[in-house]
N, C-alpha and C. Protein backbone atom coordinates (compact mmCIF):
# COMPACT_ATOMS: atom_id res chain seq x y z
N MET A 1 -10.96 12.82 33.90
CA MET A 1 -11.34 12.32 32.82
C MET A 1 -11.70 13.44 31.59
N GLY A 2 -12.55 14.57 32.45
CA GLY A 2 -12.78 15.37 31.73
C GLY A 2 -11.92 15.97 30.45
N LYS A 3 -10.81 16.05 31.06
CA LYS A 3 -9.79 16.73 30.12
C LYS A 3 -9.72 15.73 29.27
N PHE A 4 -9.31 14.63 29.33
CA PHE A 4 -8.95 13.91 28.02
C PHE A 4 -9.92 13.77 27.05
N VAL A 5 -10.94 13.70 27.68
CA VAL A 5 -12.62 13.88 26.66
C VAL A 5 -12.53 15.26 25.85
N GLU A 6 -12.43 16.21 26.47
CA GLU A 6 -12.49 17.46 26.22
C GLU A 6 -11.38 17.97 25.05
N LYS A 7 -10.14 17.76 25.38
CA LYS A 7 -8.82 17.66 24.62
C LYS A 7 -9.22 16.80 23.27
N GLY A 8 -9.73 15.80 23.46
CA GLY A 8 -9.97 14.88 22.23
C GLY A 8 -10.88 15.30 21.32
N PHE A 9 -12.00 15.98 22.27
CA PHE A 9 -13.17 16.24 21.08
C PHE A 9 -12.38 17.94 20.37
N ILE A 10 -11.65 18.54 21.20
CA ILE A 10 -11.10 19.75 20.51
C ILE A 10 -10.08 19.71 19.17
N TYR A 11 -9.17 18.72 19.61
CA TYR A 11 -8.41 18.29 18.67
C TYR A 11 -9.19 17.60 17.59
N GLY A 12 -10.05 16.72 17.67
CA GLY A 12 -10.88 16.22 16.40
C GLY A 12 -11.31 17.00 15.76
N LEU A 13 -12.24 18.18 16.45
CA LEU A 13 -12.71 19.13 15.89
C LEU A 13 -11.76 20.11 14.82
N ALA A 14 -10.60 20.15 15.51
CA ALA A 14 -9.77 20.77 14.57
C ALA A 14 -9.50 20.21 13.37
N LEU A 15 -8.91 19.02 13.69
CA LEU A 15 -8.59 18.24 12.64
C LEU A 15 -9.66 17.94 11.37
N GLY A 16 -10.81 17.80 11.91
CA GLY A 16 -11.84 17.78 10.75
C GLY A 16 -11.97 18.82 10.13
N PHE A 17 -11.66 19.98 10.89
CA PHE A 17 -12.04 21.34 10.00
C PHE A 17 -10.87 21.72 8.96
N CYS A 18 -9.91 20.97 9.20
CA CYS A 18 -8.79 20.98 8.04
C CYS A 18 -8.91 20.34 7.37
N ILE A 19 -9.16 19.10 7.60
CA ILE A 19 -9.18 17.98 6.51
C ILE A 19 -10.83 18.42 5.58
N GLY A 20 -11.92 18.96 6.38
CA GLY A 20 -12.80 19.45 5.48
C GLY A 20 -12.71 20.60 4.52
N VAL A 21 -11.88 21.48 5.05
CA VAL A 21 -11.67 22.46 3.98
C VAL A 21 -11.08 22.05 2.97
N PHE A 22 -10.16 21.07 2.93
CA PHE A 22 -9.43 20.60 1.74
C PHE A 22 -10.27 19.84 0.72
N PHE A 23 -11.37 19.12 1.58
CA PHE A 23 -11.84 18.04 0.72
C PHE A 23 -13.36 18.08 0.64
N VAL A 24 -13.98 19.23 1.05
CA VAL A 24 -15.58 19.75 0.95
C VAL A 24 -15.58 20.10 -0.53
N PRO A 25 -16.25 19.51 -1.57
CA PRO A 25 -16.37 20.24 -2.66
C PRO A 25 -17.21 21.36 -3.07
N TYR A 26 -16.79 22.39 -3.37
CA TYR A 26 -17.43 23.67 -3.60
C TYR A 26 -18.03 24.25 -5.05
N LYS A 27 -17.66 23.24 -5.84
CA LYS A 27 -18.32 23.36 -7.05
C LYS A 27 -18.73 22.10 -7.86
N GLU A 28 -19.40 21.99 -9.03
CA GLU A 28 -19.69 21.14 -9.63
C GLU A 28 -19.81 21.49 -11.05
N VAL A 29 -18.80 20.35 -11.61
CA VAL A 29 -18.49 20.74 -13.43
C VAL A 29 -19.56 19.63 -13.86
N LEU A 30 -20.34 19.84 -14.90
CA LEU A 30 -21.10 18.94 -15.54
C LEU A 30 -20.88 19.40 -17.38
N ASP A 31 -20.42 18.15 -17.65
CA ASP A 31 -20.66 18.20 -19.25
C ASP A 31 -21.51 17.68 -19.88
N SER A 32 -21.95 18.63 -21.00
CA SER A 32 -23.56 18.40 -21.56
C SER A 32 -22.77 17.56 -22.58
N GLY A 33 -21.82 16.84 -23.12
CA GLY A 33 -21.65 16.02 -24.24
C GLY A 33 -21.40 16.47 -25.62
N GLU A 34 -21.53 18.00 -25.59
CA GLU A 34 -21.72 18.69 -26.92
C GLU A 34 -20.63 19.65 -27.00
N GLY A 35 -19.39 19.29 -25.95
CA GLY A 35 -18.24 20.20 -26.22
C GLY A 35 -18.59 21.32 -25.23
N PHE A 36 -19.53 21.70 -24.52
CA PHE A 36 -20.23 22.60 -23.21
C PHE A 36 -19.88 22.05 -21.92
N ILE A 37 -19.08 22.80 -21.16
CA ILE A 37 -18.80 22.41 -19.72
C ILE A 37 -19.40 23.21 -18.62
N GLU A 38 -20.37 23.10 -18.02
CA GLU A 38 -20.99 24.03 -17.06
C GLU A 38 -20.28 23.95 -15.52
N THR A 39 -20.06 25.07 -15.22
CA THR A 39 -19.61 24.94 -13.71
C THR A 39 -20.72 25.77 -12.79
N SER A 40 -20.82 24.85 -11.93
CA SER A 40 -21.84 25.99 -10.69
C SER A 40 -21.43 25.58 -9.14
N HIS A 41 -21.03 26.97 -8.81
CA HIS A 41 -20.22 26.67 -7.57
C HIS A 41 -21.64 26.69 -6.49
N MET A 42 -21.36 25.95 -5.08
CA MET A 42 -22.13 25.80 -3.91
C MET A 42 -22.32 27.07 -3.50
N GLU A 43 -23.50 27.28 -2.93
CA GLU A 43 -23.90 28.54 -1.89
C GLU A 43 -22.68 28.46 -0.93
N LEU A 44 -22.12 29.39 -0.03
CA LEU A 44 -21.53 29.42 1.12
C LEU A 44 -21.97 28.61 2.37
N ILE A 45 -23.40 28.77 2.46
CA ILE A 45 -24.21 28.33 3.66
C ILE A 45 -24.06 26.85 3.40
N ASP A 46 -23.88 26.37 2.30
CA ASP A 46 -24.12 24.73 1.75
C ASP A 46 -22.91 24.11 2.23
N ILE A 47 -21.86 24.89 1.84
CA ILE A 47 -20.55 24.70 2.02
C ILE A 47 -20.25 24.55 3.68
N PHE A 48 -20.69 25.60 4.27
CA PHE A 48 -20.62 25.59 5.79
C PHE A 48 -21.40 24.35 6.42
N VAL A 49 -22.49 24.04 6.13
CA VAL A 49 -23.20 23.06 6.72
C VAL A 49 -22.29 21.70 6.71
N VAL A 50 -21.98 21.69 5.47
CA VAL A 50 -21.03 20.09 5.01
C VAL A 50 -19.98 20.02 6.06
N LEU A 51 -19.11 21.59 5.84
CA LEU A 51 -17.88 21.39 6.69
C LEU A 51 -18.21 21.30 8.32
N MET A 52 -19.26 21.76 8.88
CA MET A 52 -19.68 21.75 10.19
C MET A 52 -20.29 20.37 10.46
N ARG A 53 -20.56 19.78 9.62
CA ARG A 53 -21.26 18.26 9.86
C ARG A 53 -19.57 17.30 9.99
N ILE A 54 -18.87 17.68 9.16
CA ILE A 54 -17.61 17.02 9.19
C ILE A 54 -16.62 17.13 10.58
N CYS A 55 -17.16 18.50 10.84
CA CYS A 55 -16.13 18.85 12.14
C CYS A 55 -16.75 18.12 13.50
N ALA A 56 -18.24 18.18 13.45
CA ALA A 56 -19.02 17.47 14.55
C ALA A 56 -18.64 15.96 14.65
N ALA A 57 -18.40 15.59 13.56
CA ALA A 57 -18.36 13.64 13.45
C ALA A 57 -16.76 13.51 13.91
N SER A 58 -16.24 14.52 13.53
CA SER A 58 -14.48 14.09 13.96
C SER A 58 -14.45 14.59 15.51
N GLY A 59 -15.16 15.52 15.99
CA GLY A 59 -14.95 16.15 17.12
C GLY A 59 -15.42 14.86 18.19
N LEU A 60 -16.51 14.16 17.91
CA LEU A 60 -17.19 13.31 18.60
C LEU A 60 -16.21 11.77 18.52
N SER A 61 -15.74 11.53 17.58
CA SER A 61 -14.66 10.55 17.24
C SER A 61 -13.29 10.73 18.32
N GLY A 62 -13.19 12.36 18.22
CA GLY A 62 -12.00 12.45 18.84
C GLY A 62 -12.33 12.48 20.40
N ALA A 63 -13.41 12.80 21.00
CA ALA A 63 -13.76 12.27 22.19
C ALA A 63 -14.01 10.90 22.94
N GLY A 64 -14.48 10.20 21.75
CA GLY A 64 -14.49 8.90 21.88
C GLY A 64 -12.77 8.27 22.25
N ILE A 65 -11.76 8.57 21.31
CA ILE A 65 -10.85 8.13 21.59
C ILE A 65 -10.30 8.84 22.94
N GLY A 66 -10.33 9.91 23.22
CA GLY A 66 -10.15 10.47 24.56
C GLY A 66 -10.62 9.76 25.72
N TYR A 67 -11.61 9.34 25.38
CA TYR A 67 -12.06 8.37 26.84
C TYR A 67 -11.39 7.03 26.96
N TYR A 68 -11.29 6.60 25.40
CA TYR A 68 -10.37 5.35 25.50
C TYR A 68 -9.19 5.41 26.00
N LEU A 69 -8.33 6.25 25.53
CA LEU A 69 -7.26 7.00 26.18
C LEU A 69 -7.18 6.96 27.80
N TYR A 70 -8.22 7.30 27.96
CA TYR A 70 -8.41 7.76 29.86
C TYR A 70 -8.58 6.49 30.34
N VAL A 71 -9.34 5.51 29.77
CA VAL A 71 -9.71 4.38 30.44
C VAL A 71 -8.57 3.38 30.15
N ASP A 72 -7.74 3.47 29.35
CA ASP A 72 -6.44 2.70 29.31
C ASP A 72 -5.54 3.08 30.08
N LYS A 73 -5.39 4.22 30.03
CA LYS A 73 -4.33 4.88 30.89
C LYS A 73 -4.66 4.19 32.61
N MET A 74 -5.67 4.51 33.09
CA MET A 74 -6.25 3.90 34.35
C MET A 74 -5.95 2.58 34.42
N LYS A 75 -6.48 1.58 33.56
CA LYS A 75 -5.92 0.21 33.61
C LYS A 75 -4.45 0.29 33.84
N HIS A 76 -3.55 0.69 33.34
CA HIS A 76 -1.94 0.32 33.30
C HIS A 76 -1.42 1.06 34.53
N SER A 77 -2.29 2.21 34.99
CA SER A 77 -1.66 2.72 36.23
C SER A 77 -1.98 2.02 37.52
N LYS A 78 -2.68 0.98 37.57
CA LYS A 78 -3.22 0.33 38.68
C LYS A 78 -2.08 -0.99 39.44
């Protein structure tokens, strides 16, 4: 059972990292309304914290899916 859950966690972590790299916002664009646009970039530590939160959530989801697959496999093998 441990191997299913462990693999699910690792795959979920990797998938969450890949998705997070593409979708974590790293800049904020503000329009002042007078024709000026201000762009501010997030600090690296802020991006890292958001990315790790996404990785942890997807890793736990992957572990849950791994557990479900293990239980399902054991039901069908009997």
